[in-house]
Amino acid sequence: MRKIRYVGVAAVLCALVAGCDGETSSGGVTALPPTTSQTAAPGVSVVTEPPGTTANPGGPANPETSGTVAPSTAPKPPEPSTTTTSPVVVPPGPATNVVSLVAVDNSGKAINGFSIVQPDPIGDIDCKYVAGSRSATTAGVVECGASAQAANVCWIAPDKASLLCADDPWQRGVRRWTVQAPPVAAAAQSANPEPWALELADGRHCRIRVGGAWGGRSDGLVGAYSCDGHDVVLQMPDAATAMNKSNPAWTVQVGELGAGAPDLPAPKTIQVRTAYFAAAS
C-alpha cells in the first residue's frame, strides 16, 4: 500500500515537471502526458522542440530548443520599378542665319561699316601662291601670305598692287597690305566654302583658323575656329567641315585644346546663330 502511494506521488510529480520519458524508475508506471495544450495565436506558427530534447523549467530558455514564434508568411520584397524615363530631346532652335559680307567695293573703298585701320599700309605680303578665299561665296575674294598675317579674307585693290583684308565681322577693321610682286592674280571661287566667322547660340564669337599650332586632345579632335575665351570649335582632322548642317539650325562641337594630347572633357554641341561668309560686289 505504501509502495503504491509512492508510485502515485512520483507519477504526479512527473506530470507536473513534464520531464519523464514515459516510465518511472520503480514500478514501471507510465506517466500521463501533460494535459495543458499550447495554442498558437492567429496568424503565427509555433516551432516545437525537436524529439529527445528536455525542457528547462524555471531556467533561461535555450535558443536552440525553446518555442519560437515566427510569422507564418515571410514579407515579400517590394516589386522592382518598371517605370522608364525617356531621354530629354532638345528641339532645334531657329534656323542658322547665313550672311555674306562685302567689306570692300570694286573701287577699293571699305563699305558696310568696315574701315581701314592704321598703319596704312600695315606691311608687305607675298601673294605668289594666291588662292580663292575658302570663306567666300563668290569669286573676287582671295587669301595669300603667311598664316601669321591672317590674310584669308581679302579683296584686291583696283591697281592690283595692294590687298585689303578684313579681320572679322564684329570689329570690321580692314588692313591694307602692299603686294611684294604685283600684280595679284585673280583666283577661282572655293567649291565648298566654310564660314569666315560664327556667332554661337550662347553669344560667343568664333573665327576660322588660319594655320598655326593650336595644341591637341587625346580623342584626336583638332581646332577649326578660335572662340572668345579658351574654347575652340573642334572637328576631326579629315573632316570636310566643322558644321553639322543636318538641320536648319547648324551645330558645332566646342571644347578645349591642350599641350600635347591631354585627356579633356568631351566637347559640347552648340547651335550656330549666325554664320558669316565673305563676298565680292
Protein backbone atom coordinates (compact mmCIF):
# COMPACT_ATOMS: atom_id res chain seq x y z
CA MET A 1 0.00 0.00 0.00
CA ARG A 2 2.80 2.43 0.88
CA LYS A 3 4.62 1.46 -2.31
CA ILE A 4 1.57 2.28 -4.43
CA ARG A 5 1.28 5.67 -2.71
CA TYR A 6 4.90 6.43 -3.52
CA VAL A 7 4.43 5.43 -7.10
CA GLY A 8 1.35 7.64 -7.40
CA VAL A 9 3.19 10.60 -5.96
CA ALA A 10 6.03 10.01 -8.43
CA ALA A 11 3.59 9.96 -11.32
CA VAL A 12 2.05 13.25 -10.25
CA LEU A 13 5.46 14.89 -9.90
CA CYS A 14 6.48 13.56 -13.29
CA ALA A 15 3.41 15.04 -14.87
CA LEU A 16 3.99 18.41 -13.20
CA VAL A 17 7.57 18.81 -14.41
CA ALA A 18 6.85 17.26 -17.82
CA GLY A 19 10.27 15.67 -17.73
CA CYS A 20 9.56 11.98 -17.58
CA ASP A 21 10.31 9.76 -20.54
CA GLY A 22 7.20 7.62 -20.14
CA GLU A 23 8.42 5.28 -17.37
CA THR A 24 9.32 5.64 -13.68
CA SER A 25 12.47 4.14 -12.30
CA SER A 26 10.43 1.98 -9.94
CA GLY A 27 7.27 0.07 -10.58
CA GLY A 28 7.06 0.58 -14.41
CA VAL A 29 4.14 3.02 -14.15
CA THR A 30 3.63 5.14 -17.29
CA ALA A 31 3.24 8.84 -16.64
CA LEU A 32 0.31 10.66 -18.20
CA PRO A 33 1.14 13.30 -20.82
CA PRO A 34 0.67 16.93 -19.86
CA THR A 35 -2.93 18.00 -20.03
CA THR A 36 -2.25 21.61 -20.93
CA SER A 37 -2.26 22.43 -24.62
CA GLN A 38 -0.31 25.16 -26.43
CA THR A 39 -2.44 27.14 -28.79
CA ALA A 40 -0.81 29.41 -31.39
CA ALA A 41 -2.02 32.90 -31.80
CA PRO A 42 -3.82 33.55 -35.04
CA GLY A 43 -1.52 34.17 -37.97
CA VAL A 44 1.61 32.62 -36.42
CA SER A 45 3.04 29.13 -36.30
CA VAL A 46 4.72 27.53 -33.33
CA VAL A 47 8.11 25.89 -33.70
CA THR A 48 8.12 22.95 -31.23
CA GLU A 49 11.06 21.23 -29.60
CA PRO A 50 12.73 18.51 -31.65
CA PRO A 51 12.30 14.93 -30.33
CA GLY A 52 14.61 13.88 -27.49
CA THR A 53 15.13 17.38 -26.04
CA THR A 54 14.26 18.25 -22.47
CA ALA A 55 12.58 21.42 -21.30
CA ASN A 56 14.31 23.55 -18.70
CA PRO A 57 11.52 24.73 -16.41
CA GLY A 58 12.35 27.76 -14.32
CA GLY A 59 15.61 28.45 -16.18
CA PRO A 60 16.56 30.57 -19.16
CA ALA A 61 15.22 29.47 -22.49
CA ASN A 62 17.54 27.51 -24.73
CA PRO A 63 17.58 29.34 -28.06
CA GLU A 64 18.05 26.09 -29.91
CA THR A 65 15.14 24.20 -28.32
CA SER A 66 12.68 26.69 -26.90
CA GLY A 67 9.42 27.55 -28.60
CA THR A 68 9.81 30.36 -31.11
CA VAL A 69 7.02 32.34 -32.70
CA ALA A 70 7.66 33.30 -36.31
CA PRO A 71 5.47 34.85 -38.95
CA SER A 72 3.63 32.26 -41.00
CA THR A 73 4.36 34.15 -44.21
CA ALA A 74 7.62 35.98 -44.90
CA PRO A 75 7.13 39.57 -46.11
CA LYS A 76 7.51 39.93 -49.86
CA PRO A 77 10.23 42.24 -51.13
CA PRO A 78 8.98 45.30 -52.99
CA GLU A 79 8.36 44.80 -56.67
CA PRO A 80 11.10 46.35 -58.84
CA SER A 81 10.05 49.53 -60.56
CA THR A 82 9.25 49.14 -64.24
CA THR A 83 8.99 52.86 -64.92
CA THR A 84 11.28 54.02 -67.72
CA THR A 85 12.43 57.57 -68.33
CA SER A 86 12.61 58.80 -71.89
CA PRO A 87 15.66 60.88 -72.80
CA VAL A 88 15.07 64.59 -72.93
CA VAL A 89 15.10 65.73 -76.53
CA VAL A 90 16.20 69.31 -77.00
CA PRO A 91 14.36 70.73 -80.01
CA PRO A 92 16.50 72.60 -82.53
CA GLY A 93 16.49 76.37 -82.26
CA PRO A 94 15.81 78.85 -85.02
CA ALA A 95 17.49 78.21 -88.36
CA THR A 96 21.04 79.48 -88.64
CA ASN A 97 21.19 82.91 -90.25
CA VAL A 98 23.65 82.81 -93.17
CA VAL A 99 25.19 86.21 -94.03
CA SER A 100 27.59 87.09 -96.87
CA LEU A 101 29.51 90.30 -96.10
CA VAL A 102 31.07 92.66 -98.64
CA ALA A 103 33.74 94.71 -96.86
CA VAL A 104 35.31 96.42 -99.91
CA ASP A 105 33.66 97.59 -103.12
CA ASN A 106 35.05 97.47 -106.66
CA SER A 107 36.72 100.89 -106.22
CA GLY A 108 38.73 99.66 -103.21
CA LYS A 109 36.66 101.56 -100.65
CA ALA A 110 35.68 99.97 -97.32
CA ILE A 111 31.88 99.75 -97.01
CA ASN A 112 29.10 98.26 -94.84
CA GLY A 113 30.60 99.54 -91.60
CA PHE A 114 34.15 98.38 -92.40
CA SER A 115 37.05 100.87 -92.24
CA ILE A 116 40.80 100.93 -92.98
CA VAL A 117 42.91 100.55 -89.84
CA GLN A 118 46.29 102.19 -89.14
CA PRO A 119 49.06 101.96 -90.05
CA ASP A 120 48.12 102.11 -93.72
CA PRO A 121 49.65 100.09 -95.26
CA ILE A 122 50.30 97.65 -92.45
CA GLY A 123 53.17 95.85 -94.25
CA ASP A 124 54.23 93.74 -97.21
CA ILE A 125 52.69 90.43 -98.21
CA ASP A 126 53.78 87.63 -100.53
CA CYS A 127 50.91 86.67 -102.80
CA LYS A 128 52.83 84.35 -105.10
CA TYR A 129 50.51 81.49 -104.11
CA VAL A 130 47.22 83.33 -104.08
CA ALA A 131 44.03 81.28 -103.89
CA GLY A 132 40.34 81.87 -103.64
CA SER A 133 39.26 82.50 -100.05
CA ARG A 134 37.79 79.35 -98.54
CA SER A 135 35.21 81.55 -96.78
CA ALA A 136 33.86 83.34 -99.88
CA THR A 137 30.58 82.60 -101.62
CA THR A 138 31.67 84.47 -104.78
CA ALA A 139 34.83 84.99 -106.81
CA GLY A 140 36.88 88.14 -106.17
CA VAL A 141 37.83 87.34 -102.54
CA VAL A 142 41.27 85.76 -102.06
CA GLU A 143 43.81 84.61 -99.49
CA CYS A 144 47.60 84.58 -99.51
CA GLY A 145 50.67 85.27 -97.37
CA ALA A 146 51.86 83.61 -94.16
CA SER A 147 49.40 82.17 -91.63
CA ALA A 148 50.53 84.74 -89.03
CA GLN A 149 49.29 87.53 -91.31
CA ALA A 150 45.74 86.09 -91.24
CA ALA A 151 45.14 87.37 -94.77
CA ASN A 152 42.46 84.82 -95.62
CA VAL A 153 39.53 87.16 -96.44
CA CYS A 154 40.92 89.80 -98.80
CA TRP A 155 39.72 91.99 -101.67
CA ILE A 156 42.14 93.00 -104.44
CA ALA A 157 42.55 96.77 -104.90
CA PRO A 158 41.84 98.15 -108.39
CA ASP A 159 45.59 98.69 -109.02
CA LYS A 160 46.23 95.03 -108.11
CA ALA A 161 49.26 96.21 -106.12
CA SER A 162 47.63 96.03 -102.72
CA LEU A 163 45.29 93.76 -100.83
CA LEU A 164 42.53 94.81 -98.43
CA CYS A 165 41.91 92.13 -95.77
CA ALA A 166 39.10 92.12 -93.21
CA ASP A 167 39.66 90.91 -89.65
CA ASP A 168 36.21 89.75 -88.52
CA PRO A 169 32.52 90.69 -88.84
CA TRP A 170 32.38 92.42 -85.43
CA GLN A 171 35.39 94.76 -85.27
CA ARG A 172 35.07 95.41 -89.02
CA GLY A 173 38.65 96.56 -89.46
CA VAL A 174 40.36 96.30 -92.85
CA ARG A 175 44.17 96.06 -93.16
CA ARG A 176 45.89 97.20 -96.34
CA TRP A 177 48.85 95.07 -97.43
CA THR A 178 51.39 96.03 -100.11
CA VAL A 179 51.92 93.14 -102.52
CA GLN A 180 55.62 92.29 -102.91
CA ALA A 181 55.44 91.25 -106.55
CA PRO A 182 52.35 92.73 -108.13
CA PRO A 183 50.02 92.32 -109.78
CA VAL A 184 47.87 89.99 -107.71
CA ALA A 185 46.41 87.26 -109.88
CA ALA A 186 42.72 86.50 -109.85
CA ALA A 187 41.62 83.26 -108.19
CA ALA A 188 38.64 80.98 -108.60
CA GLN A 189 35.88 80.74 -106.03
CA SER A 190 36.14 77.99 -103.41
CA ALA A 191 33.97 74.99 -104.28
CA ASN A 192 32.93 74.31 -100.67
CA PRO A 193 33.24 77.50 -98.64
CA GLU A 194 33.41 77.35 -94.87
CA PRO A 195 32.07 80.22 -92.75
CA TRP A 196 34.52 83.04 -92.11
CA ALA A 197 33.14 83.51 -88.60
CA LEU A 198 30.40 82.18 -86.30
CA GLU A 199 28.14 83.62 -83.66
CA LEU A 200 27.07 80.79 -81.37
CA ALA A 201 23.74 80.46 -79.58
CA ASP A 202 25.44 81.29 -76.26
CA GLY A 203 26.73 84.60 -77.70
CA ARG A 204 30.36 83.62 -78.28
CA HIS A 205 32.18 84.73 -81.42
CA CYS A 206 34.46 82.36 -83.32
CA ARG A 207 36.81 82.99 -86.26
CA ILE A 208 38.07 80.39 -88.73
CA ARG A 209 41.55 79.02 -88.11
CA VAL A 210 44.44 80.25 -90.26
CA GLY A 211 47.26 77.73 -89.75
CA GLY A 212 49.49 77.81 -86.69
CA ALA A 213 49.98 75.39 -83.78
CA TRP A 214 46.85 75.03 -81.66
CA GLY A 215 47.52 72.13 -79.30
CA GLY A 216 45.69 68.82 -79.26
CA ARG A 217 43.49 66.29 -77.47
CA SER A 218 43.66 62.57 -76.74
CA ASP A 219 40.47 61.97 -78.78
CA GLY A 220 42.16 63.31 -81.93
CA LEU A 221 39.91 66.34 -82.46
CA VAL A 222 41.60 69.48 -83.80
CA GLY A 223 40.76 73.16 -83.68
CA ALA A 224 38.78 74.68 -86.57
CA TYR A 225 37.68 78.07 -85.12
CA SER A 226 39.09 80.15 -82.29
CA CYS A 227 36.38 81.48 -79.95
CA ASP A 228 36.06 84.03 -77.16
CA GLY A 229 37.68 82.60 -74.04
CA HIS A 230 39.67 79.37 -74.09
CA ASP A 231 37.41 77.04 -76.07
CA VAL A 232 37.57 76.33 -79.79
CA VAL A 233 35.29 74.77 -82.38
CA LEU A 234 36.52 71.20 -82.92
CA GLN A 235 36.44 68.73 -85.78
CA MET A 236 38.16 65.53 -86.84
CA PRO A 237 41.38 66.09 -88.81
CA ASP A 238 39.97 64.59 -92.02
CA ALA A 239 36.52 66.23 -91.77
CA ALA A 240 35.45 68.43 -94.69
CA THR A 241 33.65 70.83 -92.36
CA ALA A 242 33.18 71.62 -88.69
CA MET A 243 29.48 72.33 -89.27
CA ASN A 244 26.69 69.84 -88.75
CA LYS A 245 24.13 71.02 -91.31
CA SER A 246 21.67 68.15 -90.95
CA ASN A 247 19.09 70.59 -89.52
CA PRO A 248 18.27 74.21 -90.40
CA ALA A 249 19.93 75.11 -87.08
CA TRP A 250 23.56 74.21 -87.65
CA THR A 251 25.60 72.92 -84.74
CA VAL A 252 29.30 72.68 -83.87
CA GLN A 253 31.36 70.84 -81.25
CA VAL A 254 33.04 73.21 -78.80
CA GLY A 255 35.75 72.22 -76.32
CA GLU A 256 39.31 72.68 -75.09
CA LEU A 257 42.76 72.05 -76.52
CA GLY A 258 45.92 71.43 -74.52
CA ALA A 259 49.66 70.96 -74.91
CA GLY A 260 50.39 67.58 -76.46
CA ALA A 261 47.40 65.24 -76.40
CA PRO A 262 45.81 65.51 -72.92
CA ASP A 263 42.58 63.87 -71.77
CA LEU A 264 40.00 66.65 -71.79
CA PRO A 265 36.23 66.85 -71.21
CA ALA A 266 34.04 65.82 -74.12
CA PRO A 267 33.06 68.72 -76.38
CA LYS A 268 29.61 70.31 -76.12
CA THR A 269 27.20 70.61 -79.02
CA ILE A 270 26.22 74.25 -79.51
CA GLN A 271 23.94 75.74 -82.14
CA VAL A 272 25.18 78.35 -84.59
CA ARG A 273 23.07 81.51 -84.51
CA THR A 274 24.80 83.27 -87.44
CA ALA A 275 27.34 82.04 -89.99
CA TYR A 276 29.29 84.78 -91.78
CA PHE A 277 30.79 84.37 -95.25
CA ALA A 278 32.58 86.90 -97.46
CA ALA A 279 31.56 88.03 -100.94
CA ALA A 280 32.53 90.50 -103.66
CA SER A 281 30.15 93.11 -105.06
